[in-house]
Amino acid sequence: MTLQDNARTLVQKITALPAQDGRMMIAVAGPPGSGKSTLAELVVEQLCDLGKAAVLMPMDGFHLDNRLLEPRGLLPRKGAPETFDYGGLASALARIRAGETVLIPVFDRSREEAIAGAAEIGPETEIVVVEGNYLLLDEAPWRALAQYWDLAAFLSVPMEELERRLIARWLSFGFDDQAAATKARANDLPNARRVNEAVHAADIVLE
């Protein structure tokens, strides 16, 4: 299945959900390197093409800043569940579910930091597609996020393919072969394994 195929499948599942008052909230989760960000973008694009007021909300905006991670010894683990502002994410999701206008942070990869109030979910929004590694993680406190999802999708990719993609990602950032492999294997792949081995309340698994 291609990402386009998976996006069409997910859009069909979303549009088949029973009508409801208030916003619809969709989770797109998967390990780092799985393609979930691209998939979520395609889903939002296709929903908008169908006339739906859909927006994308990446959980990456809730990364803790390096100034907090470094004194806690977590900077080398940046991207692990412990390096996110879970409370801020859960609070934002609750406000979105309640129909409020919500300003959300967006992660700037060129600066490696989150920019506060960089995007808005307004009153006209019908569907919010939230994407992130840990949205379906079967660990406390993350499993409590299940209450917010009208539909939860998990993107499953074999570890061997994830390793290839994650090394290629670091190579694209200018690291040499050895450094790229080290960065992928020291942090990204343990995070990916943690995600793959603890999936909670997925309504659909996409290969």
C-alpha atoms as a PDB file:
ATOM      1  CA  MET A   1       0.000   0.000   0.000  1.00  0.00           C
ATOM      2  CA  THR A   2       1.272   3.476  -0.857  1.00  0.00           C
ATOM      3  CA  LEU A   3       0.788   6.506   1.361  1.00  0.00           C
ATOM      4  CA  GLN A   4      -1.804   7.760  -1.135  1.00  0.00           C
ATOM      5  CA  ASP A   5      -3.702   4.479  -0.806  1.00  0.00           C
ATOM      6  CA  ASN A   6      -3.537   4.641   2.976  1.00  0.00           C
ATOM      7  CA  ALA A   7      -4.714   8.250   2.939  1.00  0.00           C
ATOM      8  CA  ARG A   8      -7.723   7.353   0.787  1.00  0.00           C
ATOM      9  CA  THR A   9      -8.549   4.428   3.091  1.00  0.00           C
ATOM     10  CA  LEU A  10      -8.374   6.646   6.152  1.00  0.00           C
ATOM     11  CA  VAL A  11     -10.448   9.412   4.545  1.00  0.00           C
ATOM     12  CA  GLN A  12     -13.124   6.842   3.683  1.00  0.00           C
ATOM     13  CA  LYS A  13     -13.155   5.692   7.322  1.00  0.00           C
ATOM     14  CA  ILE A  14     -13.435   9.287   8.558  1.00  0.00           C
ATOM     15  CA  THR A  15     -16.242  10.294   6.214  1.00  0.00           C
ATOM     16  CA  ALA A  16     -18.162   7.130   7.140  1.00  0.00           C
ATOM     17  CA  LEU A  17     -18.210   8.026  10.845  1.00  0.00           C
ATOM     18  CA  PRO A  18     -21.631   8.951  12.252  1.00  0.00           C
ATOM     19  CA  ALA A  19     -22.472  12.647  12.196  1.00  0.00           C
ATOM     20  CA  GLN A  20     -21.984  14.384  15.518  1.00  0.00           C
ATOM     21  CA  ASP A  21     -22.197  17.764  17.164  1.00  0.00           C
ATOM     22  CA  GLY A  22     -18.847  19.414  17.666  1.00  0.00           C
ATOM     23  CA  ARG A  23     -15.455  18.635  16.283  1.00  0.00           C
ATOM     24  CA  MET A  24     -14.221  15.279  15.094  1.00  0.00           C
ATOM     25  CA  MET A  25     -10.724  14.313  16.281  1.00  0.00           C
ATOM     26  CA  ILE A  26      -8.575  11.783  14.426  1.00  0.00           C
ATOM     27  CA  ALA A  27      -5.263  10.321  15.645  1.00  0.00           C
ATOM     28  CA  VAL A  28      -2.558   9.270  13.189  1.00  0.00           C
ATOM     29  CA  ALA A  29       0.228   7.568  15.127  1.00  0.00           C
ATOM     30  CA  GLY A  30       3.320   5.578  14.279  1.00  0.00           C
ATOM     31  CA  PRO A  31       7.016   5.264  15.056  1.00  0.00           C
ATOM     32  CA  PRO A  32       9.581   7.826  13.885  1.00  0.00           C
ATOM     33  CA  GLY A  33      10.269   7.337  10.187  1.00  0.00           C
ATOM     34  CA  SER A  34       6.934   5.639   9.492  1.00  0.00           C
ATOM     35  CA  GLY A  35       5.621   8.415   7.248  1.00  0.00           C
ATOM     36  CA  LYS A  36       2.818   9.470   9.592  1.00  0.00           C
ATOM     37  CA  SER A  37       3.413  13.194   9.050  1.00  0.00           C
ATOM     38  CA  THR A  38       3.099  12.840   5.286  1.00  0.00           C
ATOM     39  CA  LEU A  39       0.082  10.558   5.681  1.00  0.00           C
ATOM     40  CA  ALA A  40      -1.666  13.035   7.985  1.00  0.00           C
ATOM     41  CA  GLU A  41      -0.969  15.890   5.564  1.00  0.00           C
ATOM     42  CA  LEU A  42      -2.474  13.873   2.699  1.00  0.00           C
ATOM     43  CA  VAL A  43      -5.546  13.030   4.780  1.00  0.00           C
ATOM     44  CA  VAL A  44      -6.143  16.700   5.608  1.00  0.00           C
ATOM     45  CA  GLU A  45      -5.617  17.658   1.963  1.00  0.00           C
ATOM     46  CA  GLN A  46      -8.128  15.056   0.764  1.00  0.00           C
ATOM     47  CA  LEU A  47     -10.669  16.035   3.423  1.00  0.00           C
ATOM     48  CA  CYS A  48     -10.378  19.681   2.387  1.00  0.00           C
ATOM     49  CA  ASP A  49     -10.868  18.652  -1.254  1.00  0.00           C
ATOM     50  CA  LEU A  50     -14.161  17.077  -0.125  1.00  0.00           C
ATOM     51  CA  GLY A  51     -15.250  20.399   1.372  1.00  0.00           C
ATOM     52  CA  LYS A  52     -14.468  19.498   4.981  1.00  0.00           C
ATOM     53  CA  ALA A  53     -12.950  22.129   7.281  1.00  0.00           C
ATOM     54  CA  ALA A  54     -10.010  19.975   8.383  1.00  0.00           C
ATOM     55  CA  VAL A  55      -6.737  21.035   9.985  1.00  0.00           C
ATOM     56  CA  LEU A  56      -3.514  19.260  10.943  1.00  0.00           C
ATOM     57  CA  MET A  57      -2.125  19.322  14.486  1.00  0.00           C
ATOM     58  CA  PRO A  58       1.345  17.768  14.913  1.00  0.00           C
ATOM     59  CA  MET A  59       2.246  16.803  18.481  1.00  0.00           C
ATOM     60  CA  ASP A  60       5.882  17.795  17.760  1.00  0.00           C
ATOM     61  CA  GLY A  61       4.984  21.326  18.824  1.00  0.00           C
ATOM     62  CA  PHE A  62       4.894  20.018  22.388  1.00  0.00           C
ATOM     63  CA  HIS A  63       8.603  19.129  22.482  1.00  0.00           C
ATOM     64  CA  LEU A  64      10.240  20.388  25.659  1.00  0.00           C
ATOM     65  CA  ASP A  65      12.863  23.053  24.967  1.00  0.00           C
ATOM     66  CA  ASN A  66      16.542  22.112  25.070  1.00  0.00           C
ATOM     67  CA  ARG A  67      16.955  24.479  28.037  1.00  0.00           C
ATOM     68  CA  LEU A  68      14.738  22.136  30.052  1.00  0.00           C
ATOM     69  CA  LEU A  69      16.043  18.879  28.593  1.00  0.00           C
ATOM     70  CA  GLU A  70      19.744  19.526  29.170  1.00  0.00           C
ATOM     71  CA  PRO A  71      19.714  19.954  32.976  1.00  0.00           C
ATOM     72  CA  ARG A  72      17.495  16.890  33.263  1.00  0.00           C
ATOM     73  CA  GLY A  73      19.937  14.783  31.260  1.00  0.00           C
ATOM     74  CA  LEU A  74      17.307  14.213  28.563  1.00  0.00           C
ATOM     75  CA  LEU A  75      18.838  16.091  25.639  1.00  0.00           C
ATOM     76  CA  PRO A  76      20.360  12.920  24.096  1.00  0.00           C
ATOM     77  CA  ARG A  77      16.882  11.334  24.337  1.00  0.00           C
ATOM     78  CA  LYS A  78      15.068  14.209  22.613  1.00  0.00           C
ATOM     79  CA  GLY A  79      12.051  12.717  20.860  1.00  0.00           C
ATOM     80  CA  ALA A  80      11.346  10.114  23.575  1.00  0.00           C
ATOM     81  CA  PRO A  81       7.990  10.321  25.419  1.00  0.00           C
ATOM     82  CA  GLU A  82       9.668  11.903  28.458  1.00  0.00           C
ATOM     83  CA  THR A  83      10.838  14.857  26.351  1.00  0.00           C
ATOM     84  CA  PHE A  84       7.334  16.097  25.507  1.00  0.00           C
ATOM     85  CA  ASP A  85       4.941  18.351  27.423  1.00  0.00           C
ATOM     86  CA  TYR A  86       2.235  15.736  27.888  1.00  0.00           C
ATOM     87  CA  GLY A  87       0.159  17.990  30.134  1.00  0.00           C
ATOM     88  CA  GLY A  88       0.169  20.799  27.593  1.00  0.00           C
ATOM     89  CA  LEU A  89      -0.843  18.426  24.810  1.00  0.00           C
ATOM     90  CA  ALA A  90      -3.660  16.853  26.818  1.00  0.00           C
ATOM     91  CA  SER A  91      -4.948  20.278  27.859  1.00  0.00           C
ATOM     92  CA  ALA A  92      -4.958  21.498  24.249  1.00  0.00           C
ATOM     93  CA  LEU A  93      -6.823  18.376  23.098  1.00  0.00           C
ATOM     94  CA  ALA A  94      -9.453  18.841  25.807  1.00  0.00           C
ATOM     95  CA  ARG A  95      -9.988  22.460  24.753  1.00  0.00           C
ATOM     96  CA  ILE A  96     -10.212  21.469  21.088  1.00  0.00           C
ATOM     97  CA  ARG A  97     -12.769  18.800  21.933  1.00  0.00           C
ATOM     98  CA  ALA A  98     -14.759  21.430  23.857  1.00  0.00           C
ATOM     99  CA  GLY A  99     -14.982  23.550  20.688  1.00  0.00           C
ATOM    100  CA  GLU A 100     -12.722  26.373  21.830  1.00  0.00           C
ATOM    101  CA  THR A 101     -10.440  28.398  19.568  1.00  0.00           C
ATOM    102  CA  VAL A 102      -6.991  27.070  20.445  1.00  0.00           C
ATOM    103  CA  LEU A 103      -3.547  28.427  19.627  1.00  0.00           C
ATOM    104  CA  ILE A 104      -1.049  25.591  19.277  1.00  0.00           C
ATOM    105  CA  PRO A 105       2.757  25.442  19.124  1.00  0.00           C
ATOM    106  CA  VAL A 106       4.556  24.270  15.993  1.00  0.00           C
ATOM    107  CA  PHE A 107       7.983  22.609  15.948  1.00  0.00           C
ATOM    108  CA  ASP A 108      10.555  24.311  13.722  1.00  0.00           C
ATOM    109  CA  ARG A 109      13.028  21.618  12.640  1.00  0.00           C
ATOM    110  CA  SER A 110      15.504  24.144  11.246  1.00  0.00           C
ATOM    111  CA  ARG A 111      15.764  25.703  14.736  1.00  0.00           C
ATOM    112  CA  GLU A 112      15.095  22.488  16.696  1.00  0.00           C
ATOM    113  CA  GLU A 113      12.575  24.260  18.899  1.00  0.00           C
ATOM    114  CA  ALA A 114       8.841  24.737  19.309  1.00  0.00           C
ATOM    115  CA  ILE A 115       7.300  28.080  18.396  1.00  0.00           C
ATOM    116  CA  ALA A 116       4.448  29.002  20.757  1.00  0.00           C
ATOM    117  CA  GLY A 117       1.119  30.135  19.298  1.00  0.00           C
ATOM    118  CA  ALA A 118       2.253  29.476  15.726  1.00  0.00           C
ATOM    119  CA  ALA A 119      -1.023  27.925  14.488  1.00  0.00           C
ATOM    120  CA  GLU A 120      -4.698  28.293  15.280  1.00  0.00           C
ATOM    121  CA  ILE A 121      -7.642  25.918  15.426  1.00  0.00           C
ATOM    122  CA  GLY A 122     -10.622  28.196  14.915  1.00  0.00           C
ATOM    123  CA  PRO A 123     -14.375  27.874  15.425  1.00  0.00           C
ATOM    124  CA  GLU A 124     -14.938  26.870  11.801  1.00  0.00           C
ATOM    125  CA  THR A 125     -12.810  23.717  12.170  1.00  0.00           C
ATOM    126  CA  GLU A 126     -14.801  20.497  11.789  1.00  0.00           C
ATOM    127  CA  ILE A 127     -12.072  17.856  11.818  1.00  0.00           C
ATOM    128  CA  VAL A 128      -8.716  17.943  13.604  1.00  0.00           C
ATOM    129  CA  VAL A 129      -6.160  15.366  12.439  1.00  0.00           C
ATOM    130  CA  VAL A 130      -3.546  14.960  15.172  1.00  0.00           C
ATOM    131  CA  GLU A 131      -0.315  13.184  14.289  1.00  0.00           C
ATOM    132  CA  GLY A 132       2.499  12.007  16.502  1.00  0.00           C
ATOM    133  CA  ASN A 133       4.593   9.106  17.712  1.00  0.00           C
ATOM    134  CA  TYR A 134       2.948   8.580  21.086  1.00  0.00           C
ATOM    135  CA  LEU A 135      -0.744   9.303  20.562  1.00  0.00           C
ATOM    136  CA  LEU A 136      -1.554   5.581  20.937  1.00  0.00           C
ATOM    137  CA  LEU A 137       1.236   4.631  23.334  1.00  0.00           C
ATOM    138  CA  ASP A 138       0.060   2.061  25.883  1.00  0.00           C
ATOM    139  CA  GLU A 139       1.895   3.693  28.783  1.00  0.00           C
ATOM    140  CA  ALA A 140       0.770   6.071  31.509  1.00  0.00           C
ATOM    141  CA  PRO A 141      -0.128   8.885  31.076  1.00  0.00           C
ATOM    142  CA  TRP A 142      -0.314   8.584  27.266  1.00  0.00           C
ATOM    143  CA  ARG A 143      -3.043   5.946  27.127  1.00  0.00           C
ATOM    144  CA  ALA A 144      -5.469   8.510  28.592  1.00  0.00           C
ATOM    145  CA  LEU A 145      -5.435  10.325  25.227  1.00  0.00           C
ATOM    146  CA  ALA A 146      -7.698   7.572  23.833  1.00  0.00           C
ATOM    147  CA  GLN A 147     -10.733   9.455  25.171  1.00  0.00           C
ATOM    148  CA  TYR A 148     -10.283  12.176  22.557  1.00  0.00           C
ATOM    149  CA  TRP A 149     -10.208  10.112  19.360  1.00  0.00           C
ATOM    150  CA  ASP A 150     -13.208   9.476  17.139  1.00  0.00           C
ATOM    151  CA  LEU A 151     -10.888   7.342  15.002  1.00  0.00           C
ATOM    152  CA  ALA A 152      -7.341   6.211  15.759  1.00  0.00           C
ATOM    153  CA  ALA A 153      -5.014   4.972  13.012  1.00  0.00           C
ATOM    154  CA  PHE A 154      -1.591   3.393  13.484  1.00  0.00           C
ATOM    155  CA  LEU A 155       0.986   3.243  10.698  1.00  0.00           C
ATOM    156  CA  SER A 156       2.988   0.017  10.982  1.00  0.00           C
ATOM    157  CA  VAL A 157       6.418  -0.266   9.319  1.00  0.00           C
ATOM    158  CA  PRO A 158       8.992  -3.073   9.867  1.00  0.00           C
ATOM    159  CA  MET A 159      11.989  -2.124  12.004  1.00  0.00           C
ATOM    160  CA  GLU A 160      14.436  -2.868   9.178  1.00  0.00           C
ATOM    161  CA  GLU A 161      12.722  -0.332   6.947  1.00  0.00           C
ATOM    162  CA  LEU A 162      12.537   2.208   9.759  1.00  0.00           C
ATOM    163  CA  GLU A 163      16.280   1.854  10.321  1.00  0.00           C
ATOM    164  CA  ARG A 164      16.955   2.480   6.625  1.00  0.00           C
ATOM    165  CA  ARG A 165      14.715   5.545   6.572  1.00  0.00           C
ATOM    166  CA  LEU A 166      16.013   7.029   9.812  1.00  0.00           C
ATOM    167  CA  ILE A 167      19.648   6.707   8.753  1.00  0.00           C
ATOM    168  CA  ALA A 168      18.751   8.303   5.416  1.00  0.00           C
ATOM    169  CA  ARG A 169      17.058  11.165   7.304  1.00  0.00           C
ATOM    170  CA  TRP A 170      20.232  11.948   9.258  1.00  0.00           C
ATOM    171  CA  LEU A 171      22.323  11.667   6.101  1.00  0.00           C
ATOM    172  CA  SER A 172      20.039  14.280   4.502  1.00  0.00           C
ATOM    173  CA  PHE A 173      20.883  16.606   7.424  1.00  0.00           C
ATOM    174  CA  GLY A 174      24.572  16.443   6.495  1.00  0.00           C
ATOM    175  CA  PHE A 175      25.853  13.759   8.875  1.00  0.00           C
ATOM    176  CA  ASP A 176      28.377  11.218   7.591  1.00  0.00           C
ATOM    177  CA  ASP A 177      27.516   7.513   7.371  1.00  0.00           C
ATOM    178  CA  GLN A 178      28.820   6.591  10.819  1.00  0.00           C
ATOM    179  CA  ALA A 179      27.266   9.571  12.623  1.00  0.00           C
ATOM    180  CA  ALA A 180      23.918   9.063  10.887  1.00  0.00           C
ATOM    181  CA  ALA A 181      23.812   5.394  11.865  1.00  0.00           C
ATOM    182  CA  THR A 182      24.797   6.210  15.454  1.00  0.00           C
ATOM    183  CA  LYS A 183      22.099   8.862  15.846  1.00  0.00           C
ATOM    184  CA  ALA A 184      19.423   6.593  14.413  1.00  0.00           C
ATOM    185  CA  ARG A 185      20.398   3.552  16.492  1.00  0.00           C
ATOM    186  CA  ALA A 186      21.048   5.383  19.754  1.00  0.00           C
ATOM    187  CA  ASN A 187      17.712   7.167  20.039  1.00  0.00           C
ATOM    188  CA  ASP A 188      15.331   6.963  17.069  1.00  0.00           C
ATOM    189  CA  LEU A 189      15.208   3.185  16.827  1.00  0.00           C
ATOM    190  CA  PRO A 190      14.689   2.571  20.572  1.00  0.00           C
ATOM    191  CA  ASN A 191      11.811   5.071  20.405  1.00  0.00           C
ATOM    192  CA  ALA A 192      10.419   3.301  17.344  1.00  0.00           C
ATOM    193  CA  ARG A 193      10.615  -0.079  19.085  1.00  0.00           C
ATOM    194  CA  ARG A 194       8.846   1.370  22.120  1.00  0.00           C
ATOM    195  CA  VAL A 195       6.015   2.659  19.929  1.00  0.00           C
ATOM    196  CA  ASN A 196       5.654  -0.561  17.933  1.00  0.00           C
ATOM    197  CA  GLU A 197       5.546  -2.759  21.038  1.00  0.00           C
ATOM    198  CA  ALA A 198       2.883  -0.782  22.942  1.00  0.00           C
ATOM    199  CA  VAL A 199      -0.006   0.278  20.686  1.00  0.00           C
ATOM    200  CA  HIS A 200      -3.208   1.196  22.519  1.00  0.00           C
ATOM    201  CA  ALA A 201      -6.742   1.408  21.100  1.00  0.00           C
ATOM    202  CA  ALA A 202      -5.993   1.577  17.380  1.00  0.00           C
ATOM    203  CA  ASP A 203      -9.149   1.398  15.277  1.00  0.00           C
ATOM    204  CA  ILE A 204      -7.206   0.728  12.086  1.00  0.00           C
ATOM    205  CA  VAL A 205      -3.636  -0.423  11.402  1.00  0.00           C
ATOM    206  CA  LEU A 206      -2.170   0.678   8.073  1.00  0.00           C
ATOM    207  CA  GLU A 207       0.784  -1.190   6.589  1.00  0.00           C
END
